[in-house]
Amino acid sequence: MLAYADRAGATEEHALFGTPEELRAMVADLRDAGVRYLLLSIFGGRDQLRRFAREVMPAFVDTPRSEKPAASLSVL
């Protein structure tokens, strides 16, 4: 995120945000492209973090370990 902070709109262009369904699809696309780690930055506080853990990450529990994404995601 910080790499794009000096350009108007760039952070939003490169951040993942949306409904739980949209986030699951975005994380799955990144996983399929070979991404293994994501940075989680949730500005909605503890409740948003819990919602992410409850509604997004369970979709990746059965992913083989060698392809399993990290449990973090950059969210604005």
Protein backbone atom coordinates (compact mmCIF):
# COMPACT_ATOMS: atom_id res chain seq x y z
CA MET A 1 0.00 0.00 0.00
CA LEU A 2 2.68 2.49 0.92
CA ALA A 3 4.38 2.11 -2.45
CA TYR A 4 1.30 3.69 -4.04
CA ALA A 5 0.46 6.21 -1.29
CA ASP A 6 1.87 9.17 -3.18
CA ARG A 7 -0.36 8.70 -6.24
CA ALA A 8 -4.03 9.71 -6.09
CA GLY A 9 -6.28 6.66 -6.42
CA ALA A 10 -3.41 4.20 -6.71
CA THR A 11 -3.92 2.61 -3.30
CA GLU A 12 -7.54 1.87 -4.10
CA GLU A 13 -6.55 0.52 -7.50
CA HIS A 14 -4.21 -2.06 -5.96
CA ALA A 15 -6.03 -2.88 -2.71
CA LEU A 16 -8.47 -5.71 -2.21
CA PHE A 17 -11.82 -4.62 -0.86
CA GLY A 18 -15.42 -5.65 -1.32
CA THR A 19 -17.94 -8.15 -0.06
CA PRO A 20 -16.76 -11.43 1.47
CA GLU A 21 -17.68 -13.17 -1.80
CA GLU A 22 -15.62 -10.68 -3.83
CA LEU A 23 -12.67 -10.98 -1.45
CA ARG A 24 -12.75 -14.79 -1.65
CA ALA A 25 -12.64 -14.58 -5.44
CA MET A 26 -9.77 -12.06 -5.38
CA VAL A 27 -7.72 -14.11 -2.92
CA ALA A 28 -8.38 -17.26 -4.96
CA ASP A 29 -7.19 -15.50 -8.14
CA LEU A 30 -4.01 -14.40 -6.38
CA ARG A 31 -3.45 -17.92 -5.01
CA ASP A 32 -3.93 -19.39 -8.48
CA ALA A 33 -1.40 -16.89 -9.85
CA GLY A 34 1.18 -18.15 -7.34
CA VAL A 35 0.90 -15.54 -4.59
CA ARG A 36 1.72 -17.12 -1.23
CA TYR A 37 1.58 -14.14 1.15
CA LEU A 38 -0.71 -11.15 1.52
CA LEU A 39 -0.45 -8.20 3.88
CA LEU A 40 -3.50 -7.63 6.04
CA SER A 41 -4.38 -4.08 6.96
CA ILE A 42 -7.96 -3.70 8.14
CA PHE A 43 -9.06 -0.21 9.06
CA GLY A 44 -12.46 -1.32 10.40
CA GLY A 45 -11.00 -2.56 13.66
CA ARG A 46 -11.37 -5.85 15.44
CA ASP A 47 -14.90 -6.52 14.19
CA GLN A 48 -13.79 -6.33 10.56
CA LEU A 49 -10.82 -8.57 11.27
CA ARG A 50 -13.11 -11.14 12.87
CA ARG A 51 -15.52 -10.91 9.96
CA PHE A 52 -12.66 -11.49 7.52
CA ALA A 53 -11.53 -14.53 9.53
CA ARG A 54 -15.07 -15.87 9.72
CA GLU A 55 -16.31 -15.16 6.17
CA VAL A 56 -13.26 -15.15 3.88
CA MET A 57 -10.46 -17.38 5.20
CA PRO A 58 -12.47 -20.59 5.73
CA ALA A 59 -12.67 -20.88 1.94
CA PHE A 60 -8.93 -21.58 1.94
CA VAL A 61 -8.69 -24.12 4.78
CA ASP A 62 -8.54 -27.14 2.45
CA THR A 63 -5.97 -25.60 0.10
CA PRO A 64 -2.83 -27.80 -0.05
CA ARG A 65 -0.10 -26.37 2.18
CA SER A 66 2.29 -25.70 -0.70
CA GLU A 67 -0.35 -23.48 -2.32
CA LYS A 68 -1.99 -22.12 0.84
CA PRO A 69 -2.11 -18.30 1.01
CA ALA A 70 -1.16 -16.52 4.22
CA ALA A 71 -4.05 -15.54 6.47
CA SER A 72 -3.57 -11.86 5.76
CA LEU A 73 -4.91 -9.48 3.20
CA SER A 74 -4.62 -5.79 2.52
CA VAL A 75 -8.09 -4.35 2.87
CA LEU A 76 -9.08 -0.69 2.77
